[in-house]
Structure formats: C-alpha cells, structure tokens
Amino acid sequence: MEIILMTGIAIFLLSTVYFALRHRKAFNTAALVSLVTVASYIVMLEGTFALTSADGETVFYTRWLFYALSCSLLMYEIGRSLKFKRDEIATLVYLIIFVMITGTLAAVFTHGYMLAMFVVSSLAFSVIVYKLVKAKSKNVGFVMRYIVFGWAIFPIFFILAPEGYGFITAATSAGVYLALDIFTKIIFYLDSKSQKSLEV
C-alpha cells in the first residue's frame, strides 16, 4: 500500500513540474491538478485521516475531498473545450463538487446511508454526463473518451472497495485509483496538448 501511495506522489510531482514548465499560461490547471493530487497522496500516506472498515481495511475518504478540487479544475477545462458558456461551466463545476462531497460522505457512512449517498452522488454525475453528451462541439468525442473510460470507472471501484462493500482490498483499490488518476489527470492533459483540444 505505502509503495503505491509513494509512487503516486513521485509520478504527480514529476507531472506537476512538467506541466508547470510546458504550459505557459496564467491559469495552469494541468499543473494545479497534479499538485492537488500530490497533496492527496501525501495525506493518504500519512494516514491520520484514514478510517478502518469493518473488515479491517483502510478507507481513504480524503481522496474524494481532494477530487472535489482537482476534478472541478478538470471540469472547468472540459467546459471550456466544449465551448460552454460561463454559467454552464459553473453548473458543471458545482455539480462535480457536489458529486465528490457526497462521495466523501458515502466513504464515511456505512450500510444504507453509504448506499444512499452513493446513489445521490451517482445521480449528480449522471446529470454531468448528460450535459456533456448534449454538447455541440467537435471535442465531445475526445472528452467522452476520458469520461467513459476514466471518470465513470471510479464509482464502480468505489462500490467494490473498502469504501463500499469491500469486495477488493484497500491496496488493490489504491492501485486501480492510481491508474485512473494517471489516465484522467496526466494522459488527459498530454492528449489534449497533442490535439490542442483545450486551447481557447
């Protein structure tokens, strides 16, 4: 487990430096997303705010709080790439923050309360996906590739992980989350850079 978290710290430290040097713009979301993720992995590695499930597995509920920040930055970029209006982007950002806060509560709660928060969070995420699918932009395909093959996988593993019903171990879920983080936060920006999909 510690090796996975330390690997996450190292990878996102490198990506922070890379994006800080590569993306020369005033509001560098690529570097900020990576930096927030570094902080998230440090908090998980330190362990003070971790919980223990009934099966004795570690539950990192703080992961979802940091996602509220990093994913709101990602959603801002996604909204821009799809040429959404300012109020539409704000709606997407508010919704993703709500998804992550309810996700945090689902990770903390148990039994029926966990499931209730998970359902509420998933419904809000469904609204986001609906709004993105409706977008009339040439970048919809690019964005949906990351939403479908990246973001939409998170709730599945939430239910399987110790935060949910504990079908997989904390170490396994940490490895999966790290892979998903790399795909949705690093490869997303590298891909968008090569395709110029996030240029204004």
C-alpha atoms as a PDB file:
ATOM      1  CA  MET A   1       0.000   0.000   0.000  1.00  0.00           C
ATOM      2  CA  GLU A   2       2.712   2.506   1.006  1.00  0.00           C
ATOM      3  CA  ILE A   3       4.634   1.784  -2.202  1.00  0.00           C
ATOM      4  CA  ILE A   4       1.544   2.572  -4.281  1.00  0.00           C
ATOM      5  CA  LEU A   5       0.960   5.864  -2.472  1.00  0.00           C
ATOM      6  CA  MET A   6       4.637   6.836  -2.671  1.00  0.00           C
ATOM      7  CA  THR A   7       4.601   6.005  -6.376  1.00  0.00           C
ATOM      8  CA  GLY A   8       1.602   8.308  -6.762  1.00  0.00           C
ATOM      9  CA  ILE A   9       3.462  11.121  -5.004  1.00  0.00           C
ATOM     10  CA  ALA A  10       6.511  10.673  -7.247  1.00  0.00           C
ATOM     11  CA  ILE A  11       4.531  10.462 -10.501  1.00  0.00           C
ATOM     12  CA  PHE A  12       2.416  13.527  -9.765  1.00  0.00           C
ATOM     13  CA  LEU A  13       5.384  15.532  -8.521  1.00  0.00           C
ATOM     14  CA  LEU A  14       7.032  14.896 -11.881  1.00  0.00           C
ATOM     15  CA  SER A  15       3.860  15.767 -13.785  1.00  0.00           C
ATOM     16  CA  THR A  16       3.476  18.970 -11.737  1.00  0.00           C
ATOM     17  CA  VAL A  17       6.956  20.101 -12.742  1.00  0.00           C
ATOM     18  CA  TYR A  18       6.444  19.015 -16.350  1.00  0.00           C
ATOM     19  CA  PHE A  19       3.124  20.828 -16.767  1.00  0.00           C
ATOM     20  CA  ALA A  20       4.425  23.906 -14.934  1.00  0.00           C
ATOM     21  CA  LEU A  21       7.276  24.168 -17.429  1.00  0.00           C
ATOM     22  CA  ARG A  22       5.291  23.090 -20.503  1.00  0.00           C
ATOM     23  CA  HIS A  23       2.031  25.005 -20.107  1.00  0.00           C
ATOM     24  CA  ARG A  24       2.992  28.662 -20.115  1.00  0.00           C
ATOM     25  CA  LYS A  25      -0.284  30.314 -19.181  1.00  0.00           C
ATOM     26  CA  ALA A  26      -1.601  32.344 -16.272  1.00  0.00           C
ATOM     27  CA  PHE A  27      -4.100  29.724 -15.048  1.00  0.00           C
ATOM     28  CA  ASN A  28      -2.263  26.420 -15.420  1.00  0.00           C
ATOM     29  CA  THR A  29      -4.892  23.832 -14.482  1.00  0.00           C
ATOM     30  CA  ALA A  30      -2.690  20.941 -15.623  1.00  0.00           C
ATOM     31  CA  ALA A  31      -0.003  21.740 -13.040  1.00  0.00           C
ATOM     32  CA  LEU A  32      -2.575  22.600 -10.361  1.00  0.00           C
ATOM     33  CA  VAL A  33      -4.433  19.297 -10.802  1.00  0.00           C
ATOM     34  CA  SER A  34      -1.185  17.369 -10.420  1.00  0.00           C
ATOM     35  CA  LEU A  35      -0.164  19.421  -7.379  1.00  0.00           C
ATOM     36  CA  VAL A  36      -3.517  18.826  -5.667  1.00  0.00           C
ATOM     37  CA  THR A  37      -3.093  15.116  -6.361  1.00  0.00           C
ATOM     38  CA  VAL A  38       0.373  15.157  -4.749  1.00  0.00           C
ATOM     39  CA  ALA A  39      -1.180  16.640  -1.602  1.00  0.00           C
ATOM     40  CA  SER A  40      -3.922  13.993  -1.663  1.00  0.00           C
ATOM     41  CA  TYR A  41      -1.419  11.134  -1.815  1.00  0.00           C
ATOM     42  CA  ILE A  42       0.686  12.657   0.964  1.00  0.00           C
ATOM     43  CA  VAL A  43      -2.381  12.868   3.227  1.00  0.00           C
ATOM     44  CA  MET A  44      -3.272   9.244   2.462  1.00  0.00           C
ATOM     45  CA  LEU A  45       0.299   8.081   3.085  1.00  0.00           C
ATOM     46  CA  GLU A  46       0.460   9.929   6.417  1.00  0.00           C
ATOM     47  CA  GLY A  47      -2.759   8.197   7.442  1.00  0.00           C
ATOM     48  CA  THR A  48      -4.116  10.452  10.187  1.00  0.00           C
ATOM     49  CA  PHE A  49      -7.439  10.961   8.430  1.00  0.00           C
ATOM     50  CA  ALA A  50      -7.925   7.371   7.272  1.00  0.00           C
ATOM     51  CA  LEU A  51     -10.728   5.213   8.634  1.00  0.00           C
ATOM     52  CA  THR A  52     -10.883   1.464   9.140  1.00  0.00           C
ATOM     53  CA  SER A  53     -13.680  -0.621   7.623  1.00  0.00           C
ATOM     54  CA  ALA A  54     -15.447  -3.470   9.412  1.00  0.00           C
ATOM     55  CA  ASP A  55     -13.094  -5.855   7.592  1.00  0.00           C
ATOM     56  CA  GLY A  56     -10.036  -4.021   8.906  1.00  0.00           C
ATOM     57  CA  GLU A  57      -9.234  -2.378   5.569  1.00  0.00           C
ATOM     58  CA  THR A  58      -8.142   1.247   5.272  1.00  0.00           C
ATOM     59  CA  VAL A  59     -10.648   3.751   3.920  1.00  0.00           C
ATOM     60  CA  PHE A  60      -9.147   6.939   2.464  1.00  0.00           C
ATOM     61  CA  TYR A  61     -12.184   9.217   2.500  1.00  0.00           C
ATOM     62  CA  THR A  62      -9.994  12.293   1.999  1.00  0.00           C
ATOM     63  CA  ARG A  63      -9.331  11.129  -1.561  1.00  0.00           C
ATOM     64  CA  TRP A  64     -12.795  12.391  -2.519  1.00  0.00           C
ATOM     65  CA  LEU A  65     -12.307  15.776  -0.864  1.00  0.00           C
ATOM     66  CA  PHE A  66      -9.185  16.361  -2.938  1.00  0.00           C
ATOM     67  CA  TYR A  67     -11.072  15.140  -6.006  1.00  0.00           C
ATOM     68  CA  ALA A  68     -13.581  17.936  -5.342  1.00  0.00           C
ATOM     69  CA  LEU A  69     -10.776  20.404  -6.045  1.00  0.00           C
ATOM     70  CA  SER A  70      -8.855  18.599  -8.803  1.00  0.00           C
ATOM     71  CA  CYS A  71     -11.977  17.472 -10.677  1.00  0.00           C
ATOM     72  CA  SER A  72     -13.515  20.941 -10.520  1.00  0.00           C
ATOM     73  CA  LEU A  73     -10.370  22.210 -12.275  1.00  0.00           C
ATOM     74  CA  LEU A  74     -10.665  19.408 -14.820  1.00  0.00           C
ATOM     75  CA  MET A  75     -14.354  20.162 -15.322  1.00  0.00           C
ATOM     76  CA  TYR A  76     -13.516  23.825 -15.919  1.00  0.00           C
ATOM     77  CA  GLU A  77     -11.152  22.769 -18.720  1.00  0.00           C
ATOM     78  CA  ILE A  78     -13.683  20.323 -20.137  1.00  0.00           C
ATOM     79  CA  GLY A  79     -16.362  23.018 -20.197  1.00  0.00           C
ATOM     80  CA  ARG A  80     -14.003  25.397 -21.972  1.00  0.00           C
ATOM     81  CA  SER A  81     -13.021  22.770 -24.538  1.00  0.00           C
ATOM     82  CA  LEU A  82     -16.701  22.170 -25.331  1.00  0.00           C
ATOM     83  CA  LYS A  83     -17.289  25.926 -25.731  1.00  0.00           C
ATOM     84  CA  PHE A  84     -19.813  26.056 -22.883  1.00  0.00           C
ATOM     85  CA  LYS A  85     -20.968  29.434 -21.616  1.00  0.00           C
ATOM     86  CA  ARG A  86     -19.649  30.696 -18.304  1.00  0.00           C
ATOM     87  CA  ASP A  87     -22.815  29.819 -16.377  1.00  0.00           C
ATOM     88  CA  GLU A  88     -22.867  26.339 -17.922  1.00  0.00           C
ATOM     89  CA  ILE A  89     -19.269  25.760 -16.841  1.00  0.00           C
ATOM     90  CA  ALA A  90     -20.152  26.980 -13.343  1.00  0.00           C
ATOM     91  CA  THR A  91     -23.006  24.463 -13.215  1.00  0.00           C
ATOM     92  CA  LEU A  92     -20.652  21.633 -14.190  1.00  0.00           C
ATOM     93  CA  VAL A  93     -18.128  22.700 -11.562  1.00  0.00           C
ATOM     94  CA  TYR A  94     -20.765  22.936  -8.814  1.00  0.00           C
ATOM     95  CA  LEU A  95     -22.147  19.537  -9.787  1.00  0.00           C
ATOM     96  CA  ILE A  96     -18.750  17.806  -9.704  1.00  0.00           C
ATOM     97  CA  ILE A  97     -18.000  19.333  -6.301  1.00  0.00           C
ATOM     98  CA  PHE A  98     -21.365  18.009  -5.094  1.00  0.00           C
ATOM     99  CA  VAL A  99     -20.524  14.568  -6.532  1.00  0.00           C
ATOM    100  CA  MET A 100     -17.243  14.464  -4.626  1.00  0.00           C
ATOM    101  CA  ILE A 101     -18.663  15.768  -1.337  1.00  0.00           C
ATOM    102  CA  THR A 102     -21.445  13.186  -1.390  1.00  0.00           C
ATOM    103  CA  GLY A 103     -18.792  10.633  -2.372  1.00  0.00           C
ATOM    104  CA  THR A 104     -16.814  11.614   0.713  1.00  0.00           C
ATOM    105  CA  LEU A 105     -19.888  11.110   2.886  1.00  0.00           C
ATOM    106  CA  ALA A 106     -20.540   7.748   1.244  1.00  0.00           C
ATOM    107  CA  ALA A 107     -16.967   6.715   2.112  1.00  0.00           C
ATOM    108  CA  VAL A 108     -17.501   7.729   5.753  1.00  0.00           C
ATOM    109  CA  PHE A 109     -21.015   6.300   6.156  1.00  0.00           C
ATOM    110  CA  THR A 110     -21.868   2.604   6.364  1.00  0.00           C
ATOM    111  CA  HIS A 111     -24.713   0.323   5.280  1.00  0.00           C
ATOM    112  CA  GLY A 112     -27.847   2.035   3.956  1.00  0.00           C
ATOM    113  CA  TYR A 113     -26.516   5.549   4.484  1.00  0.00           C
ATOM    114  CA  MET A 114     -23.441   4.743   2.393  1.00  0.00           C
ATOM    115  CA  LEU A 115     -25.626   3.410  -0.404  1.00  0.00           C
ATOM    116  CA  ALA A 116     -27.982   6.396  -0.211  1.00  0.00           C
ATOM    117  CA  MET A 117     -25.108   8.869  -0.593  1.00  0.00           C
ATOM    118  CA  PHE A 118     -23.588   6.758  -3.363  1.00  0.00           C
ATOM    119  CA  VAL A 119     -26.888   6.867  -5.288  1.00  0.00           C
ATOM    120  CA  VAL A 120     -27.232  10.642  -4.815  1.00  0.00           C
ATOM    121  CA  SER A 121     -23.637  11.131  -5.959  1.00  0.00           C
ATOM    122  CA  SER A 122     -24.155   8.871  -8.987  1.00  0.00           C
ATOM    123  CA  LEU A 123     -27.330  10.736  -9.982  1.00  0.00           C
ATOM    124  CA  ALA A 124     -25.468  14.049  -9.930  1.00  0.00           C
ATOM    125  CA  PHE A 125     -22.683  12.503 -12.015  1.00  0.00           C
ATOM    126  CA  SER A 126     -25.299  11.261 -14.495  1.00  0.00           C
ATOM    127  CA  VAL A 127     -26.532  14.840 -14.917  1.00  0.00           C
ATOM    128  CA  ILE A 128     -22.955  15.909 -15.750  1.00  0.00           C
ATOM    129  CA  VAL A 129     -22.584  13.149 -18.352  1.00  0.00           C
ATOM    130  CA  TYR A 130     -25.938  14.118 -19.886  1.00  0.00           C
ATOM    131  CA  LYS A 131     -24.880  17.756 -20.194  1.00  0.00           C
ATOM    132  CA  LEU A 132     -21.562  16.745 -21.789  1.00  0.00           C
ATOM    133  CA  VAL A 133     -23.202  14.364 -24.274  1.00  0.00           C
ATOM    134  CA  LYS A 134     -25.588  17.134 -25.364  1.00  0.00           C
ATOM    135  CA  ALA A 135     -22.705  19.492 -26.141  1.00  0.00           C
ATOM    136  CA  LYS A 136     -22.381  20.524 -29.779  1.00  0.00           C
ATOM    137  CA  SER A 137     -18.623  20.602 -30.148  1.00  0.00           C
ATOM    138  CA  LYS A 138     -16.015  18.771 -32.169  1.00  0.00           C
ATOM    139  CA  ASN A 139     -14.283  17.919 -28.874  1.00  0.00           C
ATOM    140  CA  VAL A 140     -17.177  15.848 -27.480  1.00  0.00           C
ATOM    141  CA  GLY A 141     -15.603  12.577 -28.614  1.00  0.00           C
ATOM    142  CA  PHE A 142     -12.270  13.486 -27.021  1.00  0.00           C
ATOM    143  CA  VAL A 143     -13.918  14.430 -23.710  1.00  0.00           C
ATOM    144  CA  MET A 144     -16.243  11.427 -23.582  1.00  0.00           C
ATOM    145  CA  ARG A 145     -13.297   9.063 -24.069  1.00  0.00           C
ATOM    146  CA  TYR A 146     -11.975  10.186 -20.707  1.00  0.00           C
ATOM    147  CA  ILE A 147     -15.367  10.368 -19.022  1.00  0.00           C
ATOM    148  CA  VAL A 148     -16.420   6.865 -20.139  1.00  0.00           C
ATOM    149  CA  PHE A 149     -13.068   5.106 -19.817  1.00  0.00           C
ATOM    150  CA  GLY A 150     -11.868   7.091 -16.832  1.00  0.00           C
ATOM    151  CA  TRP A 151     -14.282   9.002 -14.652  1.00  0.00           C
ATOM    152  CA  ALA A 152     -17.155   6.508 -14.979  1.00  0.00           C
ATOM    153  CA  ILE A 153     -14.919   3.701 -13.636  1.00  0.00           C
ATOM    154  CA  PHE A 154     -14.437   5.434 -10.260  1.00  0.00           C
ATOM    155  CA  PRO A 155     -17.944   4.710  -8.871  1.00  0.00           C
ATOM    156  CA  ILE A 156     -17.656   1.059  -9.900  1.00  0.00           C
ATOM    157  CA  PHE A 157     -14.485   0.610  -7.875  1.00  0.00           C
ATOM    158  CA  PHE A 158     -15.920   2.695  -5.044  1.00  0.00           C
ATOM    159  CA  ILE A 159     -18.617   0.070  -4.528  1.00  0.00           C
ATOM    160  CA  LEU A 160     -16.074  -2.768  -4.765  1.00  0.00           C
ATOM    161  CA  ALA A 161     -13.509  -1.078  -2.492  1.00  0.00           C
ATOM    162  CA  PRO A 162     -13.495  -0.840   1.337  1.00  0.00           C
ATOM    163  CA  GLU A 163     -15.405   2.456   0.993  1.00  0.00           C
ATOM    164  CA  GLY A 164     -18.280   0.432  -0.427  1.00  0.00           C
ATOM    165  CA  TYR A 165     -18.858  -3.271   0.159  1.00  0.00           C
ATOM    166  CA  GLY A 166     -15.219  -4.354   0.489  1.00  0.00           C
ATOM    167  CA  PHE A 167     -15.032  -6.923  -2.309  1.00  0.00           C
ATOM    168  CA  ILE A 168     -11.450  -5.831  -3.038  1.00  0.00           C
ATOM    169  CA  THR A 169      -8.664  -4.804  -0.668  1.00  0.00           C
ATOM    170  CA  ALA A 170      -7.534  -1.258   0.040  1.00  0.00           C
ATOM    171  CA  ALA A 171      -4.220  -1.997  -1.689  1.00  0.00           C
ATOM    172  CA  THR A 172      -5.943  -3.233  -4.847  1.00  0.00           C
ATOM    173  CA  SER A 173      -8.268  -0.244  -4.938  1.00  0.00           C
ATOM    174  CA  ALA A 174      -5.331   2.120  -4.344  1.00  0.00           C
ATOM    175  CA  GLY A 175      -3.560   0.634  -7.361  1.00  0.00           C
ATOM    176  CA  VAL A 176      -6.672   0.992  -9.518  1.00  0.00           C
ATOM    177  CA  TYR A 177      -7.256   4.571  -8.352  1.00  0.00           C
ATOM    178  CA  LEU A 178      -3.628   5.446  -9.136  1.00  0.00           C
ATOM    179  CA  ALA A 179      -4.000   4.082 -12.678  1.00  0.00           C
ATOM    180  CA  LEU A 180      -7.259   6.017 -13.114  1.00  0.00           C
ATOM    181  CA  ASP A 181      -5.659   9.184 -11.716  1.00  0.00           C
ATOM    182  CA  ILE A 182      -2.823   8.914 -14.238  1.00  0.00           C
ATOM    183  CA  PHE A 183      -5.287   8.363 -17.091  1.00  0.00           C
ATOM    184  CA  THR A 184      -7.712  11.155 -16.180  1.00  0.00           C
ATOM    185  CA  LYS A 185      -5.223  13.752 -14.934  1.00  0.00           C
ATOM    186  CA  ILE A 186      -1.948  13.238 -16.791  1.00  0.00           C
ATOM    187  CA  ILE A 187      -2.775  11.424 -20.029  1.00  0.00           C
ATOM    188  CA  PHE A 188      -5.842  13.668 -20.420  1.00  0.00           C
ATOM    189  CA  TYR A 189      -3.654  16.769 -20.472  1.00  0.00           C
ATOM    190  CA  LEU A 190      -0.941  15.164 -22.612  1.00  0.00           C
ATOM    191  CA  ASP A 191      -3.588  14.043 -25.112  1.00  0.00           C
ATOM    192  CA  SER A 192      -5.308  17.419 -25.075  1.00  0.00           C
ATOM    193  CA  LYS A 193      -1.953  19.116 -25.622  1.00  0.00           C
ATOM    194  CA  SER A 194      -1.162  16.973 -28.666  1.00  0.00           C
ATOM    195  CA  GLN A 195      -4.644  17.533 -30.128  1.00  0.00           C
ATOM    196  CA  LYS A 196      -4.853  21.156 -28.969  1.00  0.00           C
ATOM    197  CA  SER A 197      -8.281  20.251 -27.623  1.00  0.00           C
ATOM    198  CA  LEU A 198      -8.103  22.611 -24.671  1.00  0.00           C
ATOM    199  CA  GLU A 199      -6.932  25.686 -26.490  1.00  0.00           C
ATOM    200  CA  VAL A 200      -9.222  28.684 -26.255  1.00  0.00           C
END
